[in-house]
Amino acid sequence: RDQVLLRYRSAYDAESLVQVVDEAPWVSRIAHRHEVEIGGFA
């Protein structure tokens, strides 16, 4: 899982409209926002 997280953070840390989060994101929290949230990583 740490290797997976590293890959996603390396890919998107410089991208203002992509947020890598630890837990699986909820659709209700992204409504009216301009970013993508990517997480979970099971």
PDB file of all heavy atoms in Angstrom:
ATOM      1  N   ARG A   1       0.835  -1.210   0.000  1.00  0.00           N
ATOM      2  CA  ARG A   1       0.000   0.000   0.000  1.00  0.00           C
ATOM      3  C   ARG A   1       0.866   1.254   0.000  1.00  0.00           C
ATOM      4  O   ARG A   1       0.546   2.242  -0.670  1.00  0.00           O
ATOM      5  CB  ARG A   1      -0.926   0.004   1.216  1.00  0.00           C
ATOM      6  CG  ARG A   1      -1.976   1.114   1.167  1.00  0.00           C
ATOM      7  CD  ARG A   1      -2.953   1.011   2.342  1.00  0.00           C
ATOM      8  NE  ARG A   1      -4.094   1.898   2.161  1.00  0.00           N
ATOM      9  CZ  ARG A   1      -4.106   3.189   2.497  1.00  0.00           C
ATOM     10  NH1 ARG A   1      -3.031   3.751   3.050  1.00  0.00           N
ATOM     11  NH2 ARG A   1      -5.198   3.913   2.293  1.00  0.00           N
ATOM     12  N   ASP A   2       1.968   1.239   0.727  1.00  0.00           N
ATOM     13  CA  ASP A   2       2.860   2.409   0.739  1.00  0.00           C
ATOM     14  C   ASP A   2       3.421   2.692  -0.653  1.00  0.00           C
ATOM     15  O   ASP A   2       3.559   3.853  -1.056  1.00  0.00           O
ATOM     16  CB  ASP A   2       4.012   2.191   1.725  1.00  0.00           C
ATOM     17  CG  ASP A   2       3.579   2.315   3.178  1.00  0.00           C
ATOM     18  OD1 ASP A   2       2.465   2.848   3.429  1.00  0.00           O
ATOM     19  OD2 ASP A   2       4.332   1.878   4.065  1.00  0.00           O
ATOM     20  N   GLN A   3       3.733   1.632  -1.381  1.00  0.00           N
ATOM     21  CA  GLN A   3       4.236   1.816  -2.747  1.00  0.00           C
ATOM     22  C   GLN A   3       3.163   2.375  -3.668  1.00  0.00           C
ATOM     23  O   GLN A   3       3.448   3.217  -4.536  1.00  0.00           O
ATOM     24  CB  GLN A   3       4.762   0.483  -3.289  1.00  0.00           C
ATOM     25  CG  GLN A   3       6.046   0.001  -2.626  1.00  0.00           C
ATOM     26  CD  GLN A   3       6.415  -1.401  -3.050  1.00  0.00           C
ATOM     27  OE1 GLN A   3       5.557  -2.284  -3.177  1.00  0.00           O
ATOM     28  NE2 GLN A   3       7.713  -1.629  -3.257  1.00  0.00           N
ATOM     29  N   VAL A   4       1.935   1.915  -3.472  1.00  0.00           N
ATOM     30  CA  VAL A   4       0.823   2.452  -4.266  1.00  0.00           C
ATOM     31  C   VAL A   4       0.647   3.943  -3.981  1.00  0.00           C
ATOM     32  O   VAL A   4       0.546   4.769  -4.900  1.00  0.00           O
ATOM     33  CB  VAL A   4      -0.477   1.683  -3.967  1.00  0.00           C
ATOM     34  CG1 VAL A   4      -1.680   2.378  -4.616  1.00  0.00           C
ATOM     35  CG2 VAL A   4      -0.369   0.247  -4.449  1.00  0.00           C
ATOM     36  N   LEU A   5       0.598   4.296  -2.695  1.00  0.00           N
ATOM     37  CA  LEU A   5       0.443   5.707  -2.319  1.00  0.00           C
ATOM     38  C   LEU A   5       1.553   6.568  -2.903  1.00  0.00           C
ATOM     39  O   LEU A   5       1.309   7.681  -3.401  1.00  0.00           O
ATOM     40  CB  LEU A   5       0.433   5.835  -0.797  1.00  0.00           C
ATOM     41  CG  LEU A   5      -0.929   5.707  -0.110  1.00  0.00           C
ATOM     42  CD1 LEU A   5      -0.749   5.566   1.384  1.00  0.00           C
ATOM     43  CD2 LEU A   5      -1.788   6.924  -0.421  1.00  0.00           C
ATOM     44  N   LEU A   6       2.774   6.055  -2.872  1.00  0.00           N
ATOM     45  CA  LEU A   6       3.906   6.808  -3.406  1.00  0.00           C
ATOM     46  C   LEU A   6       3.722   7.084  -4.893  1.00  0.00           C
ATOM     47  O   LEU A   6       3.994   8.188  -5.372  1.00  0.00           O
ATOM     48  CB  LEU A   6       5.205   6.048  -3.163  1.00  0.00           C
ATOM     49  CG  LEU A   6       6.484   6.711  -3.697  1.00  0.00           C
ATOM     50  CD1 LEU A   6       6.702   8.069  -3.033  1.00  0.00           C
ATOM     51  CD2 LEU A   6       7.695   5.800  -3.463  1.00  0.00           C
ATOM     52  N   ARG A   7       3.230   6.096  -5.615  1.00  0.00           N
ATOM     53  CA  ARG A   7       3.015   6.280  -7.055  1.00  0.00           C
ATOM     54  C   ARG A   7       1.966   7.367  -7.327  1.00  0.00           C
ATOM     55  O   ARG A   7       2.156   8.220  -8.205  1.00  0.00           O
ATOM     56  CB  ARG A   7       2.578   4.966  -7.701  1.00  0.00           C
ATOM     57  CG  ARG A   7       3.742   4.044  -8.044  1.00  0.00           C
ATOM     58  CD  ARG A   7       3.251   2.779  -8.698  1.00  0.00           C
ATOM     59  NE  ARG A   7       4.380   2.015  -9.248  1.00  0.00           N
ATOM     60  CZ  ARG A   7       4.655   1.892 -10.540  1.00  0.00           C
ATOM     61  NH1 ARG A   7       3.871   2.480 -11.435  1.00  0.00           N
ATOM     62  NH2 ARG A   7       5.682   1.181 -10.955  1.00  0.00           N
ATOM     63  N   TYR A   8       0.869   7.339  -6.598  1.00  0.00           N
ATOM     64  CA  TYR A   8      -0.182   8.311  -6.832  1.00  0.00           C
ATOM     65  C   TYR A   8       0.238   9.707  -6.383  1.00  0.00           C
ATOM     66  O   TYR A   8      -0.063  10.699  -7.067  1.00  0.00           O
ATOM     67  CB  TYR A   8      -1.480   7.870  -6.143  1.00  0.00           C
ATOM     68  CG  TYR A   8      -2.209   6.818  -6.949  1.00  0.00           C
ATOM     69  CD1 TYR A   8      -1.826   5.476  -6.893  1.00  0.00           C
ATOM     70  CD2 TYR A   8      -3.252   7.161  -7.795  1.00  0.00           C
ATOM     71  CE1 TYR A   8      -2.465   4.501  -7.648  1.00  0.00           C
ATOM     72  CE2 TYR A   8      -3.907   6.198  -8.561  1.00  0.00           C
ATOM     73  CZ  TYR A   8      -3.503   4.870  -8.488  1.00  0.00           C
ATOM     74  OH  TYR A   8      -4.134   3.901  -9.259  1.00  0.00           O
ATOM     75  N   ARG A   9       0.914   9.785  -5.270  1.00  0.00           N
ATOM     76  CA  ARG A   9       1.368  11.106  -4.811  1.00  0.00           C
ATOM     77  C   ARG A   9       2.437  11.678  -5.732  1.00  0.00           C
ATOM     78  O   ARG A   9       2.453  12.882  -6.021  1.00  0.00           O
ATOM     79  CB  ARG A   9       1.846  11.013  -3.372  1.00  0.00           C
ATOM     80  CG  ARG A   9       0.670  10.849  -2.400  1.00  0.00           C
ATOM     81  CD  ARG A   9       1.082  10.670  -0.967  1.00  0.00           C
ATOM     82  NE  ARG A   9      -0.098  10.656  -0.098  1.00  0.00           N
ATOM     83  CZ  ARG A   9      -0.160  10.078   1.077  1.00  0.00           C
ATOM     84  NH1 ARG A   9       0.894   9.432   1.566  1.00  0.00           N
ATOM     85  NH2 ARG A   9      -1.265  10.131   1.791  1.00  0.00           N
ATOM     86  N   SER A  10       3.315  10.832  -6.219  1.00  0.00           N
ATOM     87  CA  SER A  10       4.329  11.308  -7.167  1.00  0.00           C
ATOM     88  C   SER A  10       3.684  11.794  -8.460  1.00  0.00           C
ATOM     89  O   SER A  10       4.133  12.773  -9.067  1.00  0.00           O
ATOM     90  CB  SER A  10       5.331  10.186  -7.477  1.00  0.00           C
ATOM     91  OG  SER A  10       6.041   9.805  -6.321  1.00  0.00           O
ATOM     92  N   ALA A  11       2.624  11.110  -8.874  1.00  0.00           N
ATOM     93  CA  ALA A  11       1.952  11.488 -10.116  1.00  0.00           C
ATOM     94  C   ALA A  11       1.182  12.794  -9.986  1.00  0.00           C
ATOM     95  O   ALA A  11       1.128  13.584 -10.949  1.00  0.00           O
ATOM     96  CB  ALA A  11       1.009  10.372 -10.561  1.00  0.00           C
ATOM     97  N   TYR A  12       0.594  13.056  -8.810  1.00  0.00           N
ATOM     98  CA  TYR A  12      -0.389  14.127  -8.716  1.00  0.00           C
ATOM     99  C   TYR A  12      -0.090  15.210  -7.690  1.00  0.00           C
ATOM    100  O   TYR A  12      -0.858  16.184  -7.603  1.00  0.00           O
ATOM    101  CB  TYR A  12      -1.767  13.525  -8.420  1.00  0.00           C
ATOM    102  CG  TYR A  12      -2.258  12.590  -9.500  1.00  0.00           C
ATOM    103  CD1 TYR A  12      -2.749  11.316  -9.170  1.00  0.00           C
ATOM    104  CD2 TYR A  12      -2.225  12.952 -10.839  1.00  0.00           C
ATOM    105  CE1 TYR A  12      -3.210  10.452 -10.159  1.00  0.00           C
ATOM    106  CE2 TYR A  12      -2.678  12.089 -11.829  1.00  0.00           C
ATOM    107  CZ  TYR A  12      -3.159  10.835 -11.489  1.00  0.00           C
ATOM    108  OH  TYR A  12      -3.610   9.987 -12.466  1.00  0.00           O
ATOM    109  N   ASP A  13       0.995  15.119  -6.936  1.00  0.00           N
ATOM    110  CA  ASP A  13       1.259  16.138  -5.922  1.00  0.00           C
ATOM    111  C   ASP A  13       1.379  17.538  -6.514  1.00  0.00           C
ATOM    112  O   ASP A  13       1.061  18.527  -5.851  1.00  0.00           O
ATOM    113  CB  ASP A  13       2.525  15.793  -5.126  1.00  0.00           C
ATOM    114  CG  ASP A  13       2.227  14.905  -3.923  1.00  0.00           C
ATOM    115  OD1 ASP A  13       1.037  14.599  -3.700  1.00  0.00           O
ATOM    116  OD2 ASP A  13       3.173  14.506  -3.218  1.00  0.00           O
ATOM    117  N   ALA A  14       1.826  17.643  -7.747  1.00  0.00           N
ATOM    118  CA  ALA A  14       1.981  18.951  -8.375  1.00  0.00           C
ATOM    119  C   ALA A  14       0.719  19.415  -9.098  1.00  0.00           C
ATOM    120  O   ALA A  14       0.710  20.505  -9.688  1.00  0.00           O
ATOM    121  CB  ALA A  14       3.148  18.925  -9.354  1.00  0.00           C
ATOM    122  N   GLU A  15      -0.328  18.618  -9.055  1.00  0.00           N
ATOM    123  CA  GLU A  15      -1.560  18.934  -9.780  1.00  0.00           C
ATOM    124  C   GLU A  15      -2.592  19.540  -8.820  1.00  0.00           C
ATOM    125  O   GLU A  15      -3.097  18.873  -7.926  1.00  0.00           O
ATOM    126  CB  GLU A  15      -2.132  17.673 -10.439  1.00  0.00           C
ATOM    127  CG  GLU A  15      -1.211  17.023 -11.446  1.00  0.00           C
ATOM    128  CD  GLU A  15      -0.948  17.906 -12.661  1.00  0.00           C
ATOM    129  OE1 GLU A  15      -1.715  18.887 -12.872  1.00  0.00           O
ATOM    130  OE2 GLU A  15       0.010  17.630 -13.396  1.00  0.00           O
ATOM    131  N   SER A  16      -2.927  20.793  -9.041  1.00  0.00           N
ATOM    132  CA  SER A  16      -3.824  21.502  -8.124  1.00  0.00           C
ATOM    133  C   SER A  16      -5.242  20.952  -8.121  1.00  0.00           C
ATOM    134  O   SER A  16      -5.974  21.117  -7.145  1.00  0.00           O
ATOM    135  CB  SER A  16      -3.864  22.988  -8.485  1.00  0.00           C
ATOM    136  OG  SER A  16      -2.605  23.583  -8.294  1.00  0.00           O
ATOM    137  N   LEU A  17      -5.659  20.305  -9.217  1.00  0.00           N
ATOM    138  CA  LEU A  17      -7.026  19.810  -9.295  1.00  0.00           C
ATOM    139  C   LEU A  17      -7.134  18.311  -9.066  1.00  0.00           C
ATOM    140  O   LEU A  17      -8.182  17.712  -9.341  1.00  0.00           O
ATOM    141  CB  LEU A  17      -7.649  20.182 -10.646  1.00  0.00           C
ATOM    142  CG  LEU A  17      -7.851  21.678 -10.886  1.00  0.00           C
ATOM    143  CD1 LEU A  17      -8.548  21.920 -12.217  1.00  0.00           C
ATOM    144  CD2 LEU A  17      -8.647  22.321  -9.757  1.00  0.00           C
ATOM    145  N   VAL A  18      -6.078  17.697  -8.552  1.00  0.00           N
ATOM    146  CA  VAL A  18      -6.140  16.284  -8.148  1.00  0.00           C
ATOM    147  C   VAL A  18      -5.629  16.185  -6.720  1.00  0.00           C
ATOM    148  O   VAL A  18      -4.503  16.587  -6.430  1.00  0.00           O
ATOM    149  CB  VAL A  18      -5.304  15.371  -9.064  1.00  0.00           C
ATOM    150  CG1 VAL A  18      -5.426  13.915  -8.607  1.00  0.00           C
ATOM    151  CG2 VAL A  18      -5.735  15.502 -10.517  1.00  0.00           C
ATOM    152  N   GLN A  19      -6.446  15.665  -5.837  1.00  0.00           N
ATOM    153  CA  GLN A  19      -6.064  15.503  -4.439  1.00  0.00           C
ATOM    154  C   GLN A  19      -6.024  14.014  -4.095  1.00  0.00           C
ATOM    155  O   GLN A  19      -7.033  13.313  -4.249  1.00  0.00           O
ATOM    156  CB  GLN A  19      -7.048  16.239  -3.524  1.00  0.00           C
ATOM    157  CG  GLN A  19      -7.052  17.743  -3.733  1.00  0.00           C
ATOM    158  CD  GLN A  19      -7.977  18.474  -2.778  1.00  0.00           C
ATOM    159  OE1 GLN A  19      -8.794  17.865  -2.085  1.00  0.00           O
ATOM    160  NE2 GLN A  19      -7.879  19.785  -2.742  1.00  0.00           N
ATOM    161  N   VAL A  20      -4.878  13.555  -3.671  1.00  0.00           N
ATOM    162  CA  VAL A  20      -4.717  12.171  -3.237  1.00  0.00           C
ATOM    163  C   VAL A  20      -4.973  12.125  -1.735  1.00  0.00           C
ATOM    164  O   VAL A  20      -4.324  12.833  -0.959  1.00  0.00           O
ATOM    165  CB  VAL A  20      -3.303  11.645  -3.572  1.00  0.00           C
ATOM    166  CG1 VAL A  20      -3.117  10.225  -3.028  1.00  0.00           C
ATOM    167  CG2 VAL A  20      -3.083  11.669  -5.090  1.00  0.00           C
ATOM    168  N   VAL A  21      -5.958  11.329  -1.335  1.00  0.00           N
ATOM    169  CA  VAL A  21      -6.352  11.246   0.067  1.00  0.00           C
ATOM    170  C   VAL A  21      -6.186   9.810   0.540  1.00  0.00           C
ATOM    171  O   VAL A  21      -6.170   8.870  -0.260  1.00  0.00           O
ATOM    172  CB  VAL A  21      -7.807  11.719   0.265  1.00  0.00           C
ATOM    173  CG1 VAL A  21      -7.947  13.189  -0.110  1.00  0.00           C
ATOM    174  CG2 VAL A  21      -8.787  10.883  -0.544  1.00  0.00           C
ATOM    175  N   ASP A  22      -6.058   9.615   1.827  1.00  0.00           N
ATOM    176  CA  ASP A  22      -5.790   8.282   2.353  1.00  0.00           C
ATOM    177  C   ASP A  22      -7.038   7.408   2.322  1.00  0.00           C
ATOM    178  O   ASP A  22      -7.028   6.289   1.818  1.00  0.00           O
ATOM    179  CB  ASP A  22      -5.250   8.388   3.778  1.00  0.00           C
ATOM    180  CG  ASP A  22      -4.738   7.051   4.290  1.00  0.00           C
ATOM    181  OD1 ASP A  22      -3.764   6.535   3.717  1.00  0.00           O
ATOM    182  OD2 ASP A  22      -5.338   6.512   5.235  1.00  0.00           O
ATOM    183  N   GLU A  23      -8.135   7.910   2.869  1.00  0.00           N
ATOM    184  CA  GLU A  23      -9.373   7.136   2.920  1.00  0.00           C
ATOM    185  C   GLU A  23     -10.102   7.205   1.576  1.00  0.00           C
ATOM    186  O   GLU A  23      -9.867   8.095   0.764  1.00  0.00           O
ATOM    187  CB  GLU A  23     -10.272   7.671   4.027  1.00  0.00           C
ATOM    188  CG  GLU A  23      -9.675   7.547   5.423  1.00  0.00           C
ATOM    189  CD  GLU A  23      -9.451   6.111   5.841  1.00  0.00           C
ATOM    190  OE1 GLU A  23     -10.309   5.253   5.503  1.00  0.00           O
ATOM    191  OE2 GLU A  23      -8.437   5.827   6.500  1.00  0.00           O
ATOM    192  N   ALA A  24     -11.021   6.292   1.357  1.00  0.00           N
ATOM    193  CA  ALA A  24     -11.833   6.339   0.145  1.00  0.00           C
ATOM    194  C   ALA A  24     -12.697   7.594   0.169  1.00  0.00           C
ATOM    195  O   ALA A  24     -13.408   7.847   1.149  1.00  0.00           O
ATOM    196  CB  ALA A  24     -12.706   5.094   0.050  1.00  0.00           C
ATOM    197  N   PRO A  25     -12.649   8.418  -0.872  1.00  0.00           N
ATOM    198  CA  PRO A  25     -13.416   9.667  -0.869  1.00  0.00           C
ATOM    199  C   PRO A  25     -14.911   9.424  -1.028  1.00  0.00           C
ATOM    200  O   PRO A  25     -15.330   8.414  -1.596  1.00  0.00           O
ATOM    201  CB  PRO A  25     -12.849  10.418  -2.078  1.00  0.00           C
ATOM    202  CG  PRO A  25     -12.340   9.350  -2.986  1.00  0.00           C
ATOM    203  CD  PRO A  25     -11.849   8.251  -2.094  1.00  0.00           C
ATOM    204  N   TRP A  26     -15.699  10.378  -0.530  1.00  0.00           N
ATOM    205  CA  TRP A  26     -17.156  10.318  -0.616  1.00  0.00           C
ATOM    206  C   TRP A  26     -17.642  11.272  -1.692  1.00  0.00           C
ATOM    207  O   TRP A  26     -17.189  12.422  -1.770  1.00  0.00           O
ATOM    208  CB  TRP A  26     -17.801  10.724   0.710  1.00  0.00           C
ATOM    209  CG  TRP A  26     -17.568   9.791   1.841  1.00  0.00           C
ATOM    210  CD1 TRP A  26     -16.769   8.678   1.861  1.00  0.00           C
ATOM    211  CD2 TRP A  26     -18.132   9.908   3.150  1.00  0.00           C
ATOM    212  NE1 TRP A  26     -16.811   8.081   3.093  1.00  0.00           N
ATOM    213  CE2 TRP A  26     -17.645   8.821   3.902  1.00  0.00           C
ATOM    214  CE3 TRP A  26     -19.003  10.814   3.748  1.00  0.00           C
ATOM    215  CZ2 TRP A  26     -17.999   8.620   5.240  1.00  0.00           C
ATOM    216  CZ3 TRP A  26     -19.357  10.623   5.069  1.00  0.00           C
ATOM    217  CH2 TRP A  26     -18.863   9.539   5.808  1.00  0.00           C
ATOM    218  N   VAL A  27     -18.619  10.841  -2.448  1.00  0.00           N
ATOM    219  CA  VAL A  27     -19.136  11.692  -3.514  1.00  0.00           C
ATOM    220  C   VAL A  27     -19.803  12.950  -2.954  1.00  0.00           C
ATOM    221  O   VAL A  27     -19.743  14.023  -3.565  1.00  0.00           O
ATOM    222  CB  VAL A  27     -20.088  10.897  -4.435  1.00  0.00           C
ATOM    223  CG1 VAL A  27     -21.390  10.572  -3.737  1.00  0.00           C
ATOM    224  CG2 VAL A  27     -20.342  11.639  -5.740  1.00  0.00           C
ATOM    225  N   SER A  28     -20.407  12.870  -1.785  1.00  0.00           N
ATOM    226  CA  SER A  28     -21.079  14.036  -1.205  1.00  0.00           C
ATOM    227  C   SER A  28     -20.102  15.150  -0.861  1.00  0.00           C
ATOM    228  O   SER A  28     -20.491  16.320  -0.781  1.00  0.00           O
ATOM    229  CB  SER A  28     -21.868  13.632   0.044  1.00  0.00           C
ATOM    230  OG  SER A  28     -21.003  13.133   1.047  1.00  0.00           O
ATOM    231  N   ARG A  29     -18.832  14.801  -0.672  1.00  0.00           N
ATOM    232  CA  ARG A  29     -17.845  15.809  -0.303  1.00  0.00           C
ATOM    233  C   ARG A  29     -17.199  16.477  -1.517  1.00  0.00           C
ATOM    234  O   ARG A  29     -16.473  17.465  -1.361  1.00  0.00           O
ATOM    235  CB  ARG A  29     -16.756  15.165   0.568  1.00  0.00           C
ATOM    236  CG  ARG A  29     -17.283  14.693   1.914  1.00  0.00           C
ATOM    237  CD  ARG A  29     -16.210  13.952   2.693  1.00  0.00           C
ATOM    238  NE  ARG A  29     -16.742  13.450   3.972  1.00  0.00           N
ATOM    239  CZ  ARG A  29     -16.107  12.580   4.753  1.00  0.00           C
ATOM    240  NH1 ARG A  29     -14.934  12.101   4.393  1.00  0.00           N
ATOM    241  NH2 ARG A  29     -16.655  12.193   5.884  1.00  0.00           N
ATOM    242  N   ILE A  30     -17.464  15.965  -2.706  1.00  0.00           N
ATOM    243  CA  ILE A  30     -16.858  16.540  -3.903  1.00  0.00           C
ATOM    244  C   ILE A  30     -17.840  17.434  -4.648  1.00  0.00           C
ATOM    245  O   ILE A  30     -17.436  18.221  -5.515  1.00  0.00           O
ATOM    246  CB  ILE A  30     -16.321  15.415  -4.838  1.00  0.00           C
ATOM    247  CG1 ILE A  30     -15.178  15.936  -5.718  1.00  0.00           C
ATOM    248  CG2 ILE A  30     -17.436  14.836  -5.698  1.00  0.00           C
ATOM    249  CD1 ILE A  30     -13.914  16.278  -4.971  1.00  0.00           C
ATOM    250  N   ALA A  31     -19.119  17.360  -4.323  1.00  0.00           N
ATOM    251  CA  ALA A  31     -20.117  18.190  -5.006  1.00  0.00           C
ATOM    252  C   ALA A  31     -19.777  19.665  -4.852  1.00  0.00           C
ATOM    253  O   ALA A  31     -19.405  20.112  -3.763  1.00  0.00           O
ATOM    254  CB  ALA A  31     -21.514  17.906  -4.452  1.00  0.00           C
ATOM    255  N   HIS A  32     -19.874  20.421  -5.952  1.00  0.00           N
ATOM    256  CA  HIS A  32     -19.582  21.853  -6.024  1.00  0.00           C
ATOM    257  C   HIS A  32     -18.097  22.172  -5.910  1.00  0.00           C
ATOM    258  O   HIS A  32     -17.736  23.339  -5.774  1.00  0.00           O
ATOM    259  CB  HIS A  32     -20.356  22.639  -4.961  1.00  0.00           C
ATOM    260  CG  HIS A  32     -21.842  22.494  -5.081  1.00  0.00           C
ATOM    261  ND1 HIS A  32     -22.580  23.108  -6.070  1.00  0.00           N
ATOM    262  CD2 HIS A  32     -22.716  21.768  -4.351  1.00  0.00           C
ATOM    263  CE1 HIS A  32     -23.851  22.784  -5.931  1.00  0.00           C
ATOM    264  NE2 HIS A  32     -23.970  21.971  -4.899  1.00  0.00           N
ATOM    265  N   ARG A  33     -17.251  21.173  -5.977  1.00  0.00           N
ATOM    266  CA  ARG A  33     -15.801  21.417  -5.935  1.00  0.00           C
ATOM    267  C   ARG A  33     -15.180  21.091  -7.286  1.00  0.00           C
ATOM    268  O   ARG A  33     -15.696  20.301  -8.063  1.00  0.00           O
ATOM    269  CB  ARG A  33     -15.151  20.580  -4.833  1.00  0.00           C
ATOM    270  CG  ARG A  33     -15.444  21.102  -3.434  1.00  0.00           C
ATOM    271  CD  ARG A  33     -14.845  20.198  -2.377  1.00  0.00           C
ATOM    272  NE  ARG A  33     -13.446  19.891  -2.656  1.00  0.00           N
ATOM    273  CZ  ARG A  33     -12.780  18.892  -2.056  1.00  0.00           C
ATOM    274  NH1 ARG A  33     -13.400  18.103  -1.204  1.00  0.00           N
ATOM    275  NH2 ARG A  33     -11.526  18.678  -2.347  1.00  0.00           N
ATOM    276  N   HIS A  34     -14.048  21.715  -7.545  1.00  0.00           N
ATOM    277  CA  HIS A  34     -13.406  21.611  -8.853  1.00  0.00           C
ATOM    278  C   HIS A  34     -12.323  20.534  -8.910  1.00  0.00           C
ATOM    279  O   HIS A  34     -11.791  20.263  -9.982  1.00  0.00           O
ATOM    280  CB  HIS A  34     -12.784  22.967  -9.228  1.00  0.00           C
ATOM    281  CG  HIS A  34     -13.780  24.079  -9.258  1.00  0.00           C
ATOM    282  ND1 HIS A  34     -14.515  24.397 -10.374  1.00  0.00           N
ATOM    283  CD2 HIS A  34     -14.199  24.939  -8.290  1.00  0.00           C
ATOM    284  CE1 HIS A  34     -15.320  25.407 -10.096  1.00  0.00           C
ATOM    285  NE2 HIS A  34     -15.150  25.746  -8.844  1.00  0.00           N
ATOM    286  N   GLU A  35     -12.015  19.928  -7.780  1.00  0.00           N
ATOM    287  CA  GLU A  35     -10.950  18.933  -7.749  1.00  0.00           C
ATOM    288  C   GLU A  35     -11.475  17.515  -7.943  1.00  0.00           C
ATOM    289  O   GLU A  35     -12.653  17.243  -7.732  1.00  0.00           O
ATOM    290  CB  GLU A  35     -10.201  18.978  -6.403  1.00  0.00           C
ATOM    291  CG  GLU A  35      -9.551  20.315  -6.086  1.00  0.00           C
ATOM    292  CD  GLU A  35     -10.495  21.275  -5.372  1.00  0.00           C
ATOM    293  OE1 GLU A  35     -11.644  20.877  -5.055  1.00  0.00           O
ATOM    294  OE2 GLU A  35     -10.099  22.418  -5.147  1.00  0.00           O
ATOM    295  N   VAL A  36     -10.567  16.632  -8.317  1.00  0.00           N
ATOM    296  CA  VAL A  36     -10.781  15.189  -8.231  1.00  0.00           C
ATOM    297  C   VAL A  36     -10.170  14.715  -6.922  1.00  0.00           C
ATOM    298  O   VAL A  36      -9.071  15.165  -6.559  1.00  0.00           O
ATOM    299  CB  VAL A  36     -10.081  14.448  -9.395  1.00  0.00           C
ATOM    300  CG1 VAL A  36     -10.340  12.947  -9.317  1.00  0.00           C
ATOM    301  CG2 VAL A  36     -10.517  14.995 -10.729  1.00  0.00           C
ATOM    302  N   GLU A  37     -10.833  13.828  -6.212  1.00  0.00           N
ATOM    303  CA  GLU A  37     -10.220  13.160  -5.066  1.00  0.00           C
ATOM    304  C   GLU A  37     -10.005  11.691  -5.403  1.00  0.00           C
ATOM    305  O   GLU A  37     -10.905  11.029  -5.927  1.00  0.00           O
ATOM    306  CB  GLU A  37     -11.092  13.280  -3.808  1.00  0.00           C
ATOM    307  CG  GLU A  37     -11.030  14.646  -3.167  1.00  0.00           C
ATOM    308  CD  GLU A  37     -11.613  14.663  -1.760  1.00  0.00           C
ATOM    309  OE1 GLU A  37     -12.318  13.691  -1.383  1.00  0.00           O
ATOM    310  OE2 GLU A  37     -11.358  15.633  -1.042  1.00  0.00           O
ATOM    311  N   ILE A  38      -8.808  11.199  -5.117  1.00  0.00           N
ATOM    312  CA  ILE A  38      -8.475   9.794  -5.359  1.00  0.00           C
ATOM    313  C   ILE A  38      -7.945   9.212  -4.059  1.00  0.00           C
ATOM    314  O   ILE A  38      -7.040   9.781  -3.439  1.00  0.00           O
ATOM    315  CB  ILE A  38      -7.413   9.641  -6.467  1.00  0.00           C
ATOM    316  CG1 ILE A  38      -7.892  10.303  -7.757  1.00  0.00           C
ATOM    317  CG2 ILE A  38      -7.098   8.171  -6.713  1.00  0.00           C
ATOM    318  CD1 ILE A  38      -6.877  10.277  -8.886  1.00  0.00           C
ATOM    319  N   GLY A  39      -8.491   8.085  -3.632  1.00  0.00           N
ATOM    320  CA  GLY A  39      -8.051   7.505  -2.369  1.00  0.00           C
ATOM    321  C   GLY A  39      -8.531   6.084  -2.200  1.00  0.00           C
ATOM    322  O   GLY A  39      -8.882   5.399  -3.152  1.00  0.00           O
ATOM    323  N   GLY A  40      -8.556   5.659  -0.944  1.00  0.00           N
ATOM    324  CA  GLY A  40      -8.921   4.283  -0.619  1.00  0.00           C
ATOM    325  C   GLY A  40      -7.698   3.383  -0.603  1.00  0.00           C
ATOM    326  O   GLY A  40      -7.224   2.979   0.452  1.00  0.00           O
ATOM    327  N   PHE A  41      -7.182   3.051  -1.775  1.00  0.00           N
ATOM    328  CA  PHE A  41      -5.948   2.288  -1.948  1.00  0.00           C
ATOM    329  C   PHE A  41      -5.922   1.019  -1.090  1.00  0.00           C
ATOM    330  O   PHE A  41      -5.031   0.796  -0.272  1.00  0.00           O
ATOM    331  CB  PHE A  41      -4.720   3.160  -1.630  1.00  0.00           C
ATOM    332  CG  PHE A  41      -4.683   4.440  -2.408  1.00  0.00           C
ATOM    333  CD1 PHE A  41      -4.771   5.667  -1.768  1.00  0.00           C
ATOM    334  CD2 PHE A  41      -4.572   4.431  -3.788  1.00  0.00           C
ATOM    335  CE1 PHE A  41      -4.748   6.850  -2.475  1.00  0.00           C
ATOM    336  CE2 PHE A  41      -4.555   5.602  -4.514  1.00  0.00           C
ATOM    337  CZ  PHE A  41      -4.639   6.828  -3.853  1.00  0.00           C
ATOM    338  N   ALA A  42      -6.924   0.180  -1.287  1.00  0.00           N
ATOM    339  CA  ALA A  42      -6.955  -1.118  -0.621  1.00  0.00           C
ATOM    340  C   ALA A  42      -6.105  -2.103  -1.427  1.00  0.00           C
ATOM    341  O   ALA A  42      -6.196  -2.157  -2.658  1.00  0.00           O
ATOM    342  CB  ALA A  42      -8.383  -1.622  -0.513  1.00  0.00           C
TER     343      ALA A  42
END
